[in-house]
Amino acid sequence: MLILLGDSDFYRWPKSVLPKCNPSPINISQNGITLGELHQLFEKNVRNLPPPPNPSSQQRENFVSVFVCGGENDIAQGTPPDVIARNLASLLSSLASFLVPTFGPTKFFILGPKLEPWSDADAEEEAVARVNCTKLSKRFEAVVEDAANDIDVDVDVDVDAEFISCLHMFCREKEREERAEKIKLGGIFTGATDFDFVDGRFFADDGLHLSVAGYEIWKEIIERKVQKEEKEWSSGQKSGECNA
């Protein structure tokens, strides 16, 4: 079972390029939602999940993959990265405490914040957004590492999680040096000199959401991650697709 839990980046995902799964991914998402609101959104949509395995039957447990995407709206609202990271830790604990006992083995994948075309300008607001995205990406990575080591995770089940950095996923690396030099010569200092120019091909006209080309990158990543986890979990049983 594959669950997509997130904000408008998941909500706007075209059906034509959704990850290929059998059955189709369960997309629990909402435009404009903050990471702190994702657990409430999940609870409202629990009824959309398939029934859990019957312990008295011969039905085997399903492997559950949950991809979480959020935090960028929180940044836009001025929420400090440390607060957003604590909300992520709380979300992982809450989801694990329900999904693992109910459905069995569950792996969480956290998609980190990404640099977007609108933040590529040299105005102060955009520079601050870039810095906060970078900070949040590092905080999310630390939260996932803590969860793997049972730190700050207040549940009786193991939280199996993996962080996927998206910060420069949609950028052109060949222009790093040019951007760094521009900052040194008088551009607004962002606290780092390795920001890439965002590649507009991967974004919609609004400069905020992904284009089909951008979603195809996420699709490939998700399919690869899910297939790998399914294969390892099933220990040689049927693999190569995310079966539920």
Protein backbone atom coordinates (compact mmCIF):
# COMPACT_ATOMS: atom_id res chain seq x y z
CA MET A 1 0.00 0.00 0.00
CA LEU A 2 1.35 3.40 -1.00
CA ILE A 3 0.13 6.55 0.76
CA LEU A 4 0.96 10.08 -0.40
CA LEU A 5 0.37 12.55 2.46
CA GLY A 6 1.04 16.19 1.80
CA ASP A 7 0.24 19.67 0.59
CA SER A 8 -0.48 21.08 -2.87
CA ASP A 9 2.60 19.38 -4.36
CA PHE A 10 0.77 16.07 -3.91
CA TYR A 11 -2.71 17.51 -4.43
CA ARG A 12 -1.81 18.75 -7.92
CA TRP A 13 -0.09 15.52 -8.97
CA PRO A 14 -1.42 14.59 -12.45
CA LYS A 15 -2.99 11.15 -12.54
CA SER A 16 -1.13 10.41 -15.77
CA VAL A 17 2.22 10.42 -13.97
CA LEU A 18 1.29 8.99 -10.57
CA PRO A 19 3.60 6.22 -9.34
CA LYS A 20 2.54 2.88 -10.78
CA CYS A 21 1.10 0.71 -8.05
CA ASN A 22 -1.49 -2.00 -7.69
CA PRO A 23 -3.82 -0.69 -6.38
CA SER A 24 -3.29 2.98 -7.14
CA PRO A 25 -1.65 5.25 -4.57
CA ILE A 26 -3.87 6.69 -1.88
CA ASN A 27 -3.41 10.45 -2.17
CA ILE A 28 -4.28 12.31 1.03
CA SER A 29 -3.45 15.93 0.33
CA GLN A 30 -4.80 19.46 0.42
CA ASN A 31 -3.89 22.82 -1.09
CA GLY A 32 -2.31 25.26 1.34
CA ILE A 33 -2.08 22.84 4.26
CA THR A 34 0.78 23.13 6.72
CA LEU A 35 2.83 20.25 8.02
CA GLY A 36 1.33 20.78 11.45
CA GLU A 37 -2.13 20.12 9.99
CA LEU A 38 -1.27 16.90 8.14
CA HIS A 39 -2.14 14.54 10.99
CA GLN A 40 -5.64 15.98 11.23
CA LEU A 41 -6.01 15.59 7.46
CA PHE A 42 -4.87 11.97 7.72
CA GLU A 43 -7.41 11.22 10.46
CA LYS A 44 -10.21 12.62 8.30
CA ASN A 45 -9.25 10.28 5.47
CA VAL A 46 -8.59 7.04 7.35
CA ARG A 47 -11.83 5.70 5.93
CA ASN A 48 -10.24 5.80 2.47
CA LEU A 49 -7.66 3.21 3.48
CA PRO A 50 -8.31 -0.44 2.63
CA PRO A 51 -9.35 -2.71 5.50
CA PRO A 52 -6.41 -4.08 7.49
CA PRO A 53 -5.50 -7.78 7.25
CA ASN A 54 -7.64 -10.13 9.33
CA PRO A 55 -5.34 -11.75 11.91
CA SER A 56 -7.42 -14.96 11.83
CA SER A 57 -7.08 -15.36 8.05
CA GLN A 58 -4.16 -16.53 5.94
CA GLN A 59 -3.83 -13.09 4.40
CA ARG A 60 -0.28 -11.83 4.74
CA GLU A 61 0.49 -8.40 6.13
CA ASN A 62 0.93 -5.62 3.63
CA PHE A 63 4.00 -3.48 3.46
CA VAL A 64 2.99 0.18 3.78
CA SER A 65 5.01 3.01 2.22
CA VAL A 66 4.13 6.54 3.29
CA PHE A 67 5.59 9.55 1.49
CA VAL A 68 5.22 12.83 3.37
CA CYS A 69 5.52 16.22 1.67
CA GLY A 70 5.06 19.42 3.67
CA GLY A 71 6.70 22.35 5.36
CA GLU A 72 6.94 24.87 2.53
CA ASN A 73 3.61 26.48 3.43
CA ASP A 74 4.82 26.71 7.02
CA ILE A 75 7.90 28.61 5.82
CA ALA A 76 5.72 30.94 3.77
CA GLN A 77 3.70 31.70 6.92
CA GLY A 78 6.86 32.55 8.84
CA THR A 79 6.99 29.46 11.04
CA PRO A 80 10.59 28.86 12.26
CA PRO A 81 12.28 25.74 10.82
CA ASP A 82 12.83 24.29 14.32
CA VAL A 83 9.07 24.42 15.02
CA ILE A 84 8.27 22.79 11.67
CA ALA A 85 10.78 20.04 12.41
CA ARG A 86 9.18 19.33 15.79
CA ASN A 87 5.82 19.05 14.02
CA LEU A 88 7.34 16.48 11.68
CA ALA A 89 8.62 14.43 14.61
CA SER A 90 5.16 14.51 16.18
CA LEU A 91 3.54 13.53 12.88
CA LEU A 92 5.83 10.52 12.43
CA SER A 93 5.09 9.33 15.96
CA SER A 94 1.32 9.68 15.48
CA LEU A 95 1.26 7.95 12.11
CA ALA A 96 3.48 5.10 13.23
CA SER A 97 1.41 4.48 16.36
CA PHE A 98 -1.63 3.87 14.13
CA LEU A 99 -0.27 2.34 10.92
CA VAL A 100 2.22 -0.18 12.31
CA PRO A 101 -0.17 -1.96 14.75
CA THR A 102 -3.04 -1.78 12.23
CA PHE A 103 -1.40 -2.66 8.92
CA GLY A 104 2.01 -4.04 9.78
CA PRO A 105 5.47 -3.03 8.50
CA THR A 106 5.54 0.64 7.50
CA LYS A 107 8.28 2.79 5.99
CA PHE A 108 8.09 6.59 5.98
CA PHE A 109 9.82 8.68 3.32
CA ILE A 110 10.15 12.40 3.99
CA LEU A 111 10.48 14.59 0.90
CA GLY A 112 12.44 17.66 1.95
CA PRO A 113 11.69 21.23 0.81
CA LYS A 114 12.81 22.26 -2.66
CA LEU A 115 14.14 25.50 -4.08
CA GLU A 116 11.58 26.97 -6.49
CA PRO A 117 11.73 29.57 -9.30
CA TRP A 118 9.94 32.25 -7.27
CA SER A 119 12.71 32.12 -4.67
CA ASP A 120 15.46 32.53 -7.24
CA ALA A 121 15.28 36.32 -7.28
CA ASP A 122 17.75 38.45 -5.32
CA ALA A 123 15.21 40.35 -3.23
CA GLU A 124 15.50 40.05 0.53
CA GLU A 125 12.27 38.04 0.96
CA GLU A 126 13.39 35.42 -1.55
CA ALA A 127 16.86 35.23 0.01
CA VAL A 128 15.33 34.57 3.43
CA ALA A 129 13.11 31.87 1.94
CA ARG A 130 16.12 30.13 0.43
CA VAL A 131 17.94 30.18 3.75
CA ASN A 132 14.91 28.82 5.60
CA CYS A 133 14.41 26.05 3.04
CA THR A 134 18.03 25.03 3.52
CA LYS A 135 17.68 25.07 7.30
CA LEU A 136 14.45 23.09 7.15
CA SER A 137 16.01 20.47 4.90
CA LYS A 138 18.77 19.93 7.47
CA ARG A 139 16.26 19.85 10.35
CA PHE A 140 14.13 17.25 8.55
CA GLU A 141 17.17 15.08 7.97
CA ALA A 142 18.01 15.28 11.67
CA VAL A 143 14.43 14.36 12.65
CA VAL A 144 14.57 11.25 10.48
CA GLU A 145 17.94 10.28 11.93
CA ASP A 146 16.58 10.72 15.46
CA ALA A 147 13.55 8.61 14.61
CA ALA A 148 15.82 5.82 13.38
CA ASN A 149 17.62 5.93 16.72
CA ASP A 150 14.39 6.14 18.77
CA ILE A 151 15.20 9.68 19.90
CA ASP A 152 12.25 11.99 20.62
CA VAL A 153 9.84 9.34 19.31
CA ASP A 154 7.16 8.74 21.93
CA VAL A 155 5.65 5.50 20.61
CA ASP A 156 6.02 1.81 21.39
CA VAL A 157 6.72 0.87 17.77
CA ASP A 158 9.80 1.37 15.63
CA VAL A 159 9.64 4.33 13.27
CA ASP A 160 11.35 3.29 10.05
CA ALA A 161 12.00 6.49 8.11
CA GLU A 162 14.18 7.80 5.32
CA PHE A 163 14.88 11.39 4.29
CA ILE A 164 14.92 12.33 0.58
CA SER A 165 16.61 15.66 -0.05
CA CYS A 166 14.82 17.73 -2.71
CA LEU A 167 16.62 21.02 -2.07
CA HIS A 168 18.62 21.05 -5.30
CA MET A 169 16.74 18.27 -7.06
CA PHE A 170 15.28 20.66 -9.63
CA CYS A 171 18.31 22.94 -10.05
CA ARG A 172 21.06 23.28 -12.64
CA GLU A 173 24.32 22.41 -10.94
CA LYS A 174 26.48 23.80 -13.74
CA GLU A 175 25.53 27.34 -12.65
CA ARG A 176 26.58 27.00 -9.03
CA GLU A 177 29.87 28.83 -9.48
CA GLU A 178 28.19 31.63 -11.42
CA ARG A 179 25.61 32.13 -8.69
CA ALA A 180 28.24 32.04 -5.95
CA GLU A 181 30.33 34.63 -7.77
CA LYS A 182 27.28 36.87 -8.18
CA ILE A 183 26.66 36.77 -4.44
CA LYS A 184 30.29 37.64 -3.71
CA LEU A 185 30.17 40.61 -6.10
CA GLY A 186 27.27 42.30 -4.36
CA GLY A 187 24.23 40.06 -4.49
CA ILE A 188 22.34 39.44 -1.27
CA PHE A 189 24.32 37.07 0.94
CA THR A 190 22.13 34.09 1.78
CA GLY A 191 24.37 32.36 4.28
CA ALA A 192 25.62 29.92 1.66
CA THR A 193 27.33 30.25 -1.68
CA ASP A 194 26.28 27.05 -3.39
CA PHE A 195 22.67 27.78 -4.32
CA ASP A 196 21.82 26.68 -7.84
CA PHE A 197 19.58 28.42 -10.28
CA VAL A 198 16.27 26.57 -10.32
CA ASP A 199 15.51 24.89 -13.64
CA GLY A 200 12.15 26.24 -14.79
CA ARG A 201 11.48 23.18 -16.93
CA PHE A 202 10.52 21.29 -13.80
CA PHE A 203 7.96 23.86 -12.62
CA ALA A 204 4.55 25.14 -13.68
CA ASP A 205 4.06 28.70 -14.89
CA ASP A 206 3.33 29.87 -11.35
CA GLY A 207 6.95 29.20 -10.39
CA LEU A 208 5.72 27.38 -7.31
CA HIS A 209 4.41 23.93 -8.23
CA LEU A 210 5.98 21.15 -10.23
CA SER A 211 5.38 20.58 -13.93
CA VAL A 212 4.78 17.15 -15.43
CA ALA A 213 8.56 16.87 -15.93
CA GLY A 214 9.08 17.57 -12.23
CA TYR A 215 6.49 15.00 -11.17
CA GLU A 216 8.13 12.42 -13.43
CA ILE A 217 11.30 12.76 -11.36
CA TRP A 218 9.38 12.17 -8.13
CA LYS A 219 7.49 9.30 -9.76
CA GLU A 220 10.73 7.53 -10.64
CA ILE A 221 12.16 8.05 -7.15
CA ILE A 222 9.03 6.80 -5.39
CA GLU A 223 8.67 3.74 -7.60
CA ARG A 224 12.32 2.83 -7.07
CA LYS A 225 12.12 3.29 -3.28
CA VAL A 226 8.89 1.32 -2.92
CA GLN A 227 10.07 -1.55 -5.10
CA LYS A 228 13.30 -1.82 -3.10
CA GLU A 229 11.48 -1.88 0.25
CA GLU A 230 8.88 -4.37 -0.99
CA LYS A 231 11.58 -6.65 -2.32
CA GLU A 232 13.60 -6.59 0.88
CA TRP A 233 10.53 -7.04 3.07
CA SER A 234 9.03 -9.93 1.13
CA SER A 235 12.36 -11.80 1.25
CA GLY A 236 12.30 -13.17 -2.24
CA GLN A 237 8.53 -13.19 -2.72
CA LYS A 238 6.88 -11.31 -5.57
CA SER A 239 8.62 -7.98 -6.13
CA GLY A 240 8.98 -5.23 -8.70
CA GLU A 241 5.69 -3.50 -7.94
CA CYS A 242 4.09 -2.02 -4.81
CA ASN A 243 1.42 -4.62 -4.13
CA ALA A 244 -1.22 -4.09 -1.48
